């Protein structure tokens, strides 16, 4: 029995390690792109992202950030996440590569804790790290851009 559980754990671990390497296609999110981003110049945080390093559970959650008319950037998980279809973050732009605000931390028992968060976007604009504060505990997650694949090229097309 112990040998079987050990093998099962190895298989599950291999699956969890493989999931983040699956190439997600922006074509899977055409409806979201058309609704929130079509023909729009984007700020550095806007677009669709996938989690590569998670604090809890497997990576692979897909989220989007979009800007509202009050210059807040809202985060909504859209695929393969613990919580789906709800605003899970609200950020303000500090610099081109830094955003600060608050994010929700959801617990399995249904509790939600909103706490301060800080986002640092990489120089190439294709990844970011977000640090959450939940009840005084800090943790960091990492994300990579799915769409647009090249935000600079996307914005140049919009300007022309």
N, C-alpha and C. Protein backbone atom coordinates (compact mmCIF):
# COMPACT_ATOMS: atom_id res chain seq x y z
N UNK A 1 0.83 -1.19 0.00
CA UNK A 1 0.00 0.00 0.00
C UNK A 1 0.87 1.25 0.00
N UNK A 2 1.91 1.26 0.82
CA UNK A 2 2.80 2.42 0.89
C UNK A 2 3.45 2.68 -0.46
N UNK A 3 3.86 1.63 -1.14
CA UNK A 3 4.49 1.76 -2.45
C UNK A 3 3.53 2.38 -3.46
N UNK A 4 2.26 1.96 -3.42
CA UNK A 4 1.26 2.52 -4.32
C UNK A 4 1.08 4.01 -4.07
N UNK A 5 0.96 4.41 -2.80
CA UNK A 5 0.78 5.82 -2.47
C UNK A 5 1.99 6.65 -2.89
N UNK A 6 3.17 6.07 -2.74
CA UNK A 6 4.39 6.76 -3.15
C UNK A 6 4.38 6.99 -4.66
N UNK A 7 3.99 5.97 -5.42
CA UNK A 7 3.92 6.09 -6.88
C UNK A 7 2.85 7.11 -7.28
N UNK A 8 1.70 7.06 -6.60
CA UNK A 8 0.62 8.00 -6.90
C UNK A 8 1.07 9.43 -6.64
N UNK A 9 1.76 9.65 -5.54
CA UNK A 9 2.28 10.99 -5.24
C UNK A 9 3.27 11.44 -6.31
N UNK A 10 4.11 10.55 -6.79
CA UNK A 10 5.06 10.90 -7.85
C UNK A 10 4.34 11.29 -9.13
N UNK A 11 3.30 10.55 -9.47
CA UNK A 11 2.52 10.86 -10.68
C UNK A 11 1.84 12.22 -10.53
N UNK A 12 1.22 12.46 -9.38
CA UNK A 12 0.55 13.74 -9.15
C UNK A 12 1.55 14.89 -9.19
N UNK A 13 2.70 14.71 -8.61
CA UNK A 13 3.73 15.73 -8.62
C UNK A 13 4.18 16.02 -10.05
N UNK A 14 4.36 14.98 -10.85
CA UNK A 14 4.76 15.16 -12.25
C UNK A 14 3.70 15.94 -13.02
N UNK A 15 2.44 15.62 -12.78
CA UNK A 15 1.35 16.35 -13.45
C UNK A 15 1.37 17.81 -13.05
N UNK A 16 1.50 18.10 -11.76
CA UNK A 16 1.53 19.48 -11.30
C UNK A 16 2.71 20.25 -11.86
N UNK A 17 3.83 19.57 -12.04
CA UNK A 17 5.01 20.24 -12.59
C UNK A 17 4.84 20.48 -14.09
N UNK A 18 4.10 19.61 -14.78
CA UNK A 18 3.93 19.72 -16.22
C UNK A 18 2.89 20.78 -16.58
N UNK A 19 1.85 20.96 -15.76
CA UNK A 19 0.77 21.88 -16.10
C UNK A 19 1.24 23.28 -16.49
N UNK A 20 2.14 23.90 -15.73
CA UNK A 20 2.55 25.26 -16.12
C UNK A 20 3.29 25.32 -17.45
N UNK A 21 3.78 24.22 -17.96
CA UNK A 21 4.52 24.26 -19.22
C UNK A 21 3.61 24.15 -20.43
N UNK A 22 2.34 23.84 -20.21
CA UNK A 22 1.41 23.77 -21.33
C UNK A 22 1.25 25.18 -21.90
N UNK A 23 1.42 25.31 -23.18
CA UNK A 23 1.35 26.61 -23.85
C UNK A 23 -0.11 27.01 -24.01
N UNK A 24 -0.50 28.04 -23.30
CA UNK A 24 -1.84 28.55 -23.45
C UNK A 24 -1.89 29.47 -24.65
N UNK A 25 -2.95 29.42 -25.36
CA UNK A 25 -3.10 30.22 -26.57
C UNK A 25 -4.03 31.38 -26.31
N UNK A 26 -3.67 32.55 -26.81
CA UNK A 26 -4.54 33.71 -26.64
C UNK A 26 -5.86 33.51 -27.37
N UNK A 27 -5.90 32.62 -28.37
CA UNK A 27 -7.15 32.38 -29.09
C UNK A 27 -8.21 31.77 -28.18
N UNK A 28 -7.79 31.17 -27.07
CA UNK A 28 -8.74 30.61 -26.12
C UNK A 28 -9.54 31.70 -25.40
N UNK A 29 -9.07 32.93 -25.46
CA UNK A 29 -9.67 34.02 -24.71
C UNK A 29 -10.15 35.15 -25.62
N UNK A 30 -10.57 34.81 -26.83
CA UNK A 30 -10.99 35.80 -27.81
C UNK A 30 -12.13 36.66 -27.29
N UNK A 31 -13.10 36.07 -26.60
CA UNK A 31 -14.23 36.85 -26.08
C UNK A 31 -13.77 37.91 -25.09
N UNK A 32 -12.86 37.53 -24.20
CA UNK A 32 -12.33 38.48 -23.21
C UNK A 32 -11.54 39.59 -23.92
N UNK A 33 -10.71 39.21 -24.87
CA UNK A 33 -9.90 40.18 -25.62
C UNK A 33 -10.82 41.17 -26.33
N UNK A 34 -11.84 40.67 -27.01
CA UNK A 34 -12.75 41.54 -27.75
C UNK A 34 -13.54 42.47 -26.82
N UNK A 35 -13.92 41.99 -25.66
CA UNK A 35 -14.73 42.79 -24.73
C UNK A 35 -13.92 43.87 -24.02
N UNK A 36 -12.69 43.56 -23.60
CA UNK A 36 -11.95 44.47 -22.75
C UNK A 36 -10.79 45.19 -23.44
N UNK A 37 -10.22 44.62 -24.49
CA UNK A 37 -8.95 45.13 -25.00
C UNK A 37 -8.93 45.49 -26.48
N UNK A 38 -9.96 45.16 -27.23
CA UNK A 38 -9.94 45.34 -28.68
C UNK A 38 -9.70 46.80 -29.06
N UNK A 39 -8.74 47.03 -29.93
CA UNK A 39 -8.41 48.36 -30.46
C UNK A 39 -8.10 49.37 -29.37
N UNK A 40 -7.47 48.92 -28.31
CA UNK A 40 -7.16 49.78 -27.17
C UNK A 40 -5.67 49.71 -26.86
N UNK A 41 -5.05 50.88 -26.68
CA UNK A 41 -3.68 50.91 -26.19
C UNK A 41 -3.70 50.48 -24.73
N UNK A 42 -2.79 49.59 -24.37
CA UNK A 42 -2.80 48.99 -23.03
C UNK A 42 -1.68 49.53 -22.16
N UNK A 43 -1.98 49.63 -20.86
CA UNK A 43 -0.92 49.90 -19.89
C UNK A 43 -0.21 48.59 -19.59
N UNK A 44 0.94 48.69 -18.96
CA UNK A 44 1.83 47.54 -18.80
C UNK A 44 1.20 46.36 -18.08
N UNK A 45 0.26 46.60 -17.19
CA UNK A 45 -0.34 45.49 -16.44
C UNK A 45 -1.54 44.87 -17.16
N UNK A 46 -2.08 45.59 -18.12
CA UNK A 46 -3.29 45.11 -18.79
C UNK A 46 -3.01 43.91 -19.69
N UNK A 47 -3.99 43.03 -19.79
CA UNK A 47 -3.86 41.86 -20.63
C UNK A 47 -4.22 40.60 -19.86
N UNK A 48 -3.81 39.48 -20.42
CA UNK A 48 -4.12 38.16 -19.85
C UNK A 48 -2.82 37.48 -19.43
N UNK A 49 -2.83 36.91 -18.22
CA UNK A 49 -1.64 36.35 -17.59
C UNK A 49 -1.94 34.96 -17.05
N UNK A 50 -0.91 34.14 -16.92
CA UNK A 50 -1.05 32.83 -16.27
C UNK A 50 -0.04 32.71 -15.13
N UNK A 51 -0.51 32.12 -14.04
CA UNK A 51 0.33 31.97 -12.84
C UNK A 51 1.37 30.89 -13.06
N UNK A 52 2.63 31.22 -12.82
CA UNK A 52 3.72 30.25 -12.99
C UNK A 52 4.24 29.73 -11.65
N UNK A 53 4.15 30.54 -10.61
CA UNK A 53 4.55 30.11 -9.26
C UNK A 53 3.44 30.54 -8.32
N UNK A 54 2.86 29.56 -7.64
CA UNK A 54 1.72 29.81 -6.76
C UNK A 54 2.14 29.64 -5.31
N UNK A 55 1.47 30.38 -4.43
CA UNK A 55 1.69 30.22 -3.01
C UNK A 55 1.04 28.92 -2.53
N UNK A 56 -0.18 28.68 -2.96
CA UNK A 56 -0.91 27.47 -2.59
C UNK A 56 -1.47 26.84 -3.86
N UNK A 57 -1.47 25.55 -3.93
CA UNK A 57 -2.04 24.86 -5.08
C UNK A 57 -1.16 24.96 -6.31
N UNK A 58 -1.65 24.39 -7.40
CA UNK A 58 -0.85 24.36 -8.63
C UNK A 58 -0.86 25.69 -9.36
N UNK A 59 0.14 25.90 -10.19
CA UNK A 59 0.15 27.05 -11.09
C UNK A 59 -0.83 26.77 -12.22
N UNK A 60 -1.03 27.76 -13.09
CA UNK A 60 -1.90 27.57 -14.24
C UNK A 60 -3.14 28.42 -14.24
N UNK A 61 -3.44 29.07 -13.12
CA UNK A 61 -4.58 29.99 -13.06
C UNK A 61 -4.38 31.08 -14.11
N UNK A 62 -5.45 31.46 -14.81
CA UNK A 62 -5.38 32.51 -15.82
C UNK A 62 -6.20 33.70 -15.32
N UNK A 63 -5.59 34.88 -15.37
CA UNK A 63 -6.24 36.09 -14.88
C UNK A 63 -6.11 37.19 -15.92
N UNK A 64 -6.91 38.22 -15.76
CA UNK A 64 -6.79 39.39 -16.62
C UNK A 64 -6.78 40.64 -15.75
N UNK A 65 -6.12 41.67 -16.25
CA UNK A 65 -6.18 42.99 -15.64
C UNK A 65 -6.74 43.94 -16.69
N UNK A 66 -7.68 44.78 -16.28
CA UNK A 66 -8.22 45.80 -17.18
C UNK A 66 -8.40 47.10 -16.40
N UNK A 67 -8.36 48.21 -17.12
CA UNK A 67 -8.47 49.53 -16.49
C UNK A 67 -9.89 50.05 -16.62
N UNK A 68 -10.41 50.65 -15.53
CA UNK A 68 -11.73 51.27 -15.59
C UNK A 68 -11.58 52.77 -15.86
N UNK A 69 -12.70 53.46 -15.88
CA UNK A 69 -12.69 54.90 -16.19
C UNK A 69 -12.07 55.74 -15.08
N UNK A 70 -11.87 55.17 -13.89
CA UNK A 70 -11.25 55.89 -12.77
C UNK A 70 -9.78 55.55 -12.59
N UNK A 71 -9.19 54.92 -13.61
CA UNK A 71 -7.77 54.54 -13.60
C UNK A 71 -7.41 53.51 -12.53
N UNK A 72 -8.37 52.69 -12.15
CA UNK A 72 -8.08 51.52 -11.34
C UNK A 72 -7.89 50.34 -12.28
N UNK A 73 -7.02 49.43 -11.90
CA UNK A 73 -6.78 48.22 -12.68
C UNK A 73 -7.35 47.05 -11.89
N UNK A 74 -8.37 46.43 -12.45
CA UNK A 74 -9.04 45.33 -11.78
C UNK A 74 -8.51 44.00 -12.27
N UNK A 75 -8.39 43.06 -11.35
CA UNK A 75 -7.95 41.71 -11.66
C UNK A 75 -9.14 40.77 -11.51
N UNK A 76 -9.36 39.95 -12.55
CA UNK A 76 -10.43 38.95 -12.53
C UNK A 76 -9.86 37.64 -13.04
N UNK A 77 -10.02 36.58 -12.26
CA UNK A 77 -9.57 35.25 -12.70
C UNK A 77 -10.57 34.71 -13.72
N UNK A 78 -10.05 34.21 -14.86
CA UNK A 78 -10.94 33.80 -15.95
C UNK A 78 -10.83 32.32 -16.32
N UNK A 79 -9.84 31.61 -15.80
CA UNK A 79 -9.71 30.20 -16.17
C UNK A 79 -8.84 29.45 -15.17
N UNK A 80 -9.27 28.26 -14.77
CA UNK A 80 -8.48 27.31 -13.97
C UNK A 80 -8.02 27.88 -12.63
N UNK A 81 -8.86 28.68 -11.98
CA UNK A 81 -8.50 29.28 -10.69
C UNK A 81 -9.47 28.81 -9.60
N UNK A 82 -9.05 28.95 -8.36
CA UNK A 82 -9.86 28.58 -7.20
C UNK A 82 -11.14 29.41 -7.16
N UNK A 83 -11.02 30.71 -7.43
CA UNK A 83 -12.15 31.63 -7.48
C UNK A 83 -12.22 32.17 -8.90
N UNK A 84 -13.40 32.13 -9.49
CA UNK A 84 -13.54 32.53 -10.89
C UNK A 84 -14.60 33.63 -11.03
N UNK A 85 -14.35 34.54 -11.98
CA UNK A 85 -15.35 35.52 -12.37
C UNK A 85 -15.62 36.62 -11.38
N UNK A 86 -14.80 36.75 -10.35
CA UNK A 86 -14.96 37.82 -9.37
C UNK A 86 -13.74 38.73 -9.42
N UNK A 87 -13.93 39.99 -9.07
CA UNK A 87 -12.79 40.88 -8.93
C UNK A 87 -11.99 40.41 -7.73
N UNK A 88 -10.72 40.08 -7.96
CA UNK A 88 -9.86 39.60 -6.88
C UNK A 88 -8.74 40.57 -6.55
N UNK A 89 -8.67 41.68 -7.30
CA UNK A 89 -7.65 42.67 -7.03
C UNK A 89 -8.01 44.01 -7.63
N UNK A 90 -7.48 45.06 -7.01
CA UNK A 90 -7.71 46.44 -7.46
C UNK A 90 -6.40 47.19 -7.24
N UNK A 91 -5.81 47.69 -8.32
CA UNK A 91 -4.49 48.30 -8.27
C UNK A 91 -4.51 49.72 -8.81
N UNK A 92 -3.55 50.53 -8.39
CA UNK A 92 -3.28 51.85 -8.95
C UNK A 92 -1.87 51.84 -9.51
N UNK A 93 -1.68 52.52 -10.63
CA UNK A 93 -0.36 52.60 -11.26
C UNK A 93 0.51 53.58 -10.49
N UNK A 94 1.70 53.14 -10.09
CA UNK A 94 2.68 53.98 -9.41
C UNK A 94 3.73 54.44 -10.41
N UNK A 95 4.28 53.50 -11.17
CA UNK A 95 5.21 53.78 -12.27
C UNK A 95 4.85 52.82 -13.40
N UNK A 96 5.60 52.87 -14.50
CA UNK A 96 5.34 51.96 -15.62
C UNK A 96 5.42 50.49 -15.21
N UNK A 97 6.24 50.19 -14.21
CA UNK A 97 6.46 48.79 -13.83
C UNK A 97 6.04 48.47 -12.40
N UNK A 98 5.34 49.39 -11.74
CA UNK A 98 4.94 49.15 -10.35
C UNK A 98 3.48 49.57 -10.14
N UNK A 99 2.74 48.67 -9.52
CA UNK A 99 1.34 48.92 -9.19
C UNK A 99 1.14 48.53 -7.73
N UNK A 100 0.27 49.26 -7.04
CA UNK A 100 -0.04 48.95 -5.65
C UNK A 100 -1.54 49.02 -5.43
N UNK A 101 -2.01 48.22 -4.51
CA UNK A 101 -3.43 48.22 -4.21
C UNK A 101 -3.77 47.16 -3.20
N UNK A 102 -4.83 46.41 -3.50
CA UNK A 102 -5.26 45.35 -2.60
C UNK A 102 -5.76 44.17 -3.40
N UNK A 103 -5.61 43.01 -2.80
CA UNK A 103 -6.08 41.76 -3.40
C UNK A 103 -6.80 40.93 -2.35
N UNK A 104 -7.71 40.11 -2.82
CA UNK A 104 -8.44 39.21 -1.94
C UNK A 104 -7.67 37.90 -1.82
N UNK A 105 -7.62 37.39 -0.62
CA UNK A 105 -7.11 36.05 -0.37
C UNK A 105 -8.31 35.22 0.06
N UNK A 106 -8.58 34.17 -0.71
CA UNK A 106 -9.74 33.32 -0.46
C UNK A 106 -9.29 32.05 0.26
N UNK A 107 -10.09 31.65 1.25
CA UNK A 107 -9.79 30.47 2.04
C UNK A 107 -10.79 29.36 1.71
N UNK A 108 -10.38 28.12 1.92
CA UNK A 108 -11.24 26.98 1.59
C UNK A 108 -12.54 26.97 2.39
N UNK A 109 -12.55 27.60 3.57
CA UNK A 109 -13.78 27.63 4.37
C UNK A 109 -14.74 28.73 3.93
N UNK A 110 -14.37 29.49 2.89
CA UNK A 110 -15.23 30.55 2.36
C UNK A 110 -14.86 31.94 2.82
N UNK A 111 -13.98 32.05 3.80
CA UNK A 111 -13.55 33.37 4.26
C UNK A 111 -12.75 34.09 3.18
N UNK A 112 -12.83 35.42 3.20
CA UNK A 112 -12.07 36.26 2.27
C UNK A 112 -11.39 37.35 3.08
N UNK A 113 -10.12 37.58 2.80
CA UNK A 113 -9.38 38.66 3.45
C UNK A 113 -8.77 39.56 2.37
N UNK A 114 -9.17 40.83 2.37
CA UNK A 114 -8.57 41.80 1.46
C UNK A 114 -7.37 42.43 2.17
N UNK A 115 -6.22 42.42 1.49
CA UNK A 115 -5.02 42.98 2.07
C UNK A 115 -4.20 43.70 1.02
N UNK A 116 -3.23 44.46 1.50
CA UNK A 116 -2.37 45.23 0.60
C UNK A 116 -1.61 44.30 -0.34
N UNK A 117 -1.36 44.81 -1.55
CA UNK A 117 -0.57 44.05 -2.52
C UNK A 117 0.29 45.00 -3.32
N UNK A 118 1.38 44.47 -3.85
CA UNK A 118 2.31 45.24 -4.65
C UNK A 118 2.74 44.39 -5.84
N UNK A 119 2.72 44.99 -7.03
CA UNK A 119 3.07 44.28 -8.26
C UNK A 119 4.28 44.94 -8.89
N UNK A 120 5.27 44.13 -9.22
CA UNK A 120 6.44 44.60 -9.96
C UNK A 120 6.51 43.87 -11.29
N UNK A 121 6.46 44.63 -12.39
CA UNK A 121 6.48 44.05 -13.73
C UNK A 121 7.91 44.04 -14.24
N UNK A 122 8.29 42.96 -14.90
CA UNK A 122 9.65 42.81 -15.44
C UNK A 122 9.92 43.87 -16.51
N UNK A 123 11.21 44.11 -16.75
CA UNK A 123 11.61 45.11 -17.75
C UNK A 123 11.10 44.76 -19.15
N UNK A 124 11.01 43.47 -19.48
CA UNK A 124 10.52 43.09 -20.81
C UNK A 124 8.99 43.07 -20.88
N UNK A 125 8.33 43.39 -19.78
CA UNK A 125 6.87 43.51 -19.67
C UNK A 125 6.13 42.19 -19.88
N UNK A 126 6.84 41.07 -19.77
CA UNK A 126 6.22 39.77 -20.02
C UNK A 126 6.01 38.92 -18.77
N UNK A 127 6.34 39.45 -17.61
CA UNK A 127 6.08 38.72 -16.37
C UNK A 127 5.95 39.72 -15.22
N UNK A 128 5.35 39.26 -14.13
CA UNK A 128 5.30 40.10 -12.93
C UNK A 128 5.27 39.22 -11.70
N UNK A 129 5.65 39.84 -10.59
CA UNK A 129 5.55 39.21 -9.28
C UNK A 129 4.60 40.07 -8.45
N UNK A 130 3.71 39.41 -7.74
CA UNK A 130 2.79 40.12 -6.85
C UNK A 130 3.01 39.61 -5.44
N UNK A 131 3.15 40.55 -4.52
CA UNK A 131 3.29 40.21 -3.11
C UNK A 131 2.01 40.60 -2.40
N UNK A 132 1.41 39.64 -1.72
CA UNK A 132 0.16 39.82 -0.99
C UNK A 132 0.45 39.91 0.50
N UNK A 133 -0.40 40.63 1.22
CA UNK A 133 -0.38 40.64 2.68
C UNK A 133 -1.74 40.14 3.15
N UNK A 134 -1.73 39.07 3.88
CA UNK A 134 -2.96 38.53 4.45
C UNK A 134 -2.75 38.28 5.93
N UNK A 135 -3.41 39.08 6.74
CA UNK A 135 -3.28 38.97 8.19
C UNK A 135 -1.83 39.06 8.64
N UNK A 136 -1.04 39.92 8.00
CA UNK A 136 0.35 40.11 8.37
C UNK A 136 1.31 39.08 7.79
N UNK A 137 0.80 38.14 7.04
CA UNK A 137 1.64 37.15 6.37
C UNK A 137 1.82 37.56 4.92
N UNK A 138 3.06 37.61 4.47
CA UNK A 138 3.36 38.01 3.10
C UNK A 138 3.72 36.79 2.26
N UNK A 139 3.21 36.77 1.03
CA UNK A 139 3.60 35.72 0.09
C UNK A 139 3.62 36.30 -1.31
N UNK A 140 4.41 35.67 -2.17
CA UNK A 140 4.61 36.16 -3.54
C UNK A 140 4.21 35.10 -4.55
N UNK A 141 3.55 35.56 -5.61
CA UNK A 141 3.21 34.70 -6.74
C UNK A 141 3.83 35.31 -7.99
N UNK A 142 4.10 34.47 -8.98
CA UNK A 142 4.68 34.95 -10.24
C UNK A 142 3.76 34.58 -11.40
N UNK A 143 3.70 35.48 -12.36
CA UNK A 143 2.80 35.36 -13.51
C UNK A 143 3.55 35.67 -14.79
N UNK A 144 3.09 35.10 -15.92
CA UNK A 144 3.67 35.46 -17.22
C UNK A 144 2.55 35.84 -18.17
N UNK A 145 2.88 36.72 -19.09
CA UNK A 145 1.89 37.25 -20.03
C UNK A 145 1.51 36.21 -21.08
N UNK A 146 0.20 36.08 -21.33
CA UNK A 146 -0.32 35.27 -22.43
C UNK A 146 -0.69 36.17 -23.59
N UNK A 147 -1.40 37.28 -23.27
CA UNK A 147 -1.86 38.20 -24.31
C UNK A 147 -1.82 39.63 -23.80
N UNK A 148 -1.38 40.60 -24.59
CA UNK A 148 -0.72 40.37 -25.87
C UNK A 148 0.68 39.81 -25.64
N UNK A 149 1.14 39.01 -26.56
CA UNK A 149 2.47 38.41 -26.39
C UNK A 149 3.55 39.48 -26.38
N UNK A 150 3.36 40.54 -27.14
CA UNK A 150 4.30 41.67 -27.19
C UNK A 150 3.48 42.95 -27.05
N UNK A 151 3.43 43.48 -25.83
CA UNK A 151 2.59 44.65 -25.56
C UNK A 151 3.09 45.90 -26.28
N UNK A 152 4.39 46.02 -26.45
CA UNK A 152 4.95 47.18 -27.17
C UNK A 152 4.48 47.16 -28.62
N UNK A 153 4.58 46.02 -29.28
CA UNK A 153 4.12 45.89 -30.67
C UNK A 153 2.61 46.11 -30.75
N UNK A 154 1.87 45.58 -29.79
CA UNK A 154 0.41 45.79 -29.76
C UNK A 154 0.09 47.28 -29.72
N UNK A 155 0.74 48.00 -28.82
CA UNK A 155 0.46 49.43 -28.68
C UNK A 155 0.90 50.23 -29.89
N UNK A 156 1.98 49.82 -30.55
CA UNK A 156 2.41 50.50 -31.79
C UNK A 156 1.36 50.35 -32.87
N UNK A 157 0.75 49.17 -32.97
CA UNK A 157 -0.31 48.94 -33.97
C UNK A 157 -1.50 49.85 -33.70
N UNK A 158 -1.82 50.06 -32.43
CA UNK A 158 -2.97 50.89 -32.06
C UNK A 158 -2.69 52.35 -32.40
N UNK A 159 -1.45 52.80 -32.23
CA UNK A 159 -1.09 54.19 -32.51
C UNK A 159 -1.07 54.50 -33.99
N UNK A 160 -0.92 53.50 -34.84
CA UNK A 160 -0.83 53.75 -36.29
C UNK A 160 -2.16 53.70 -36.97
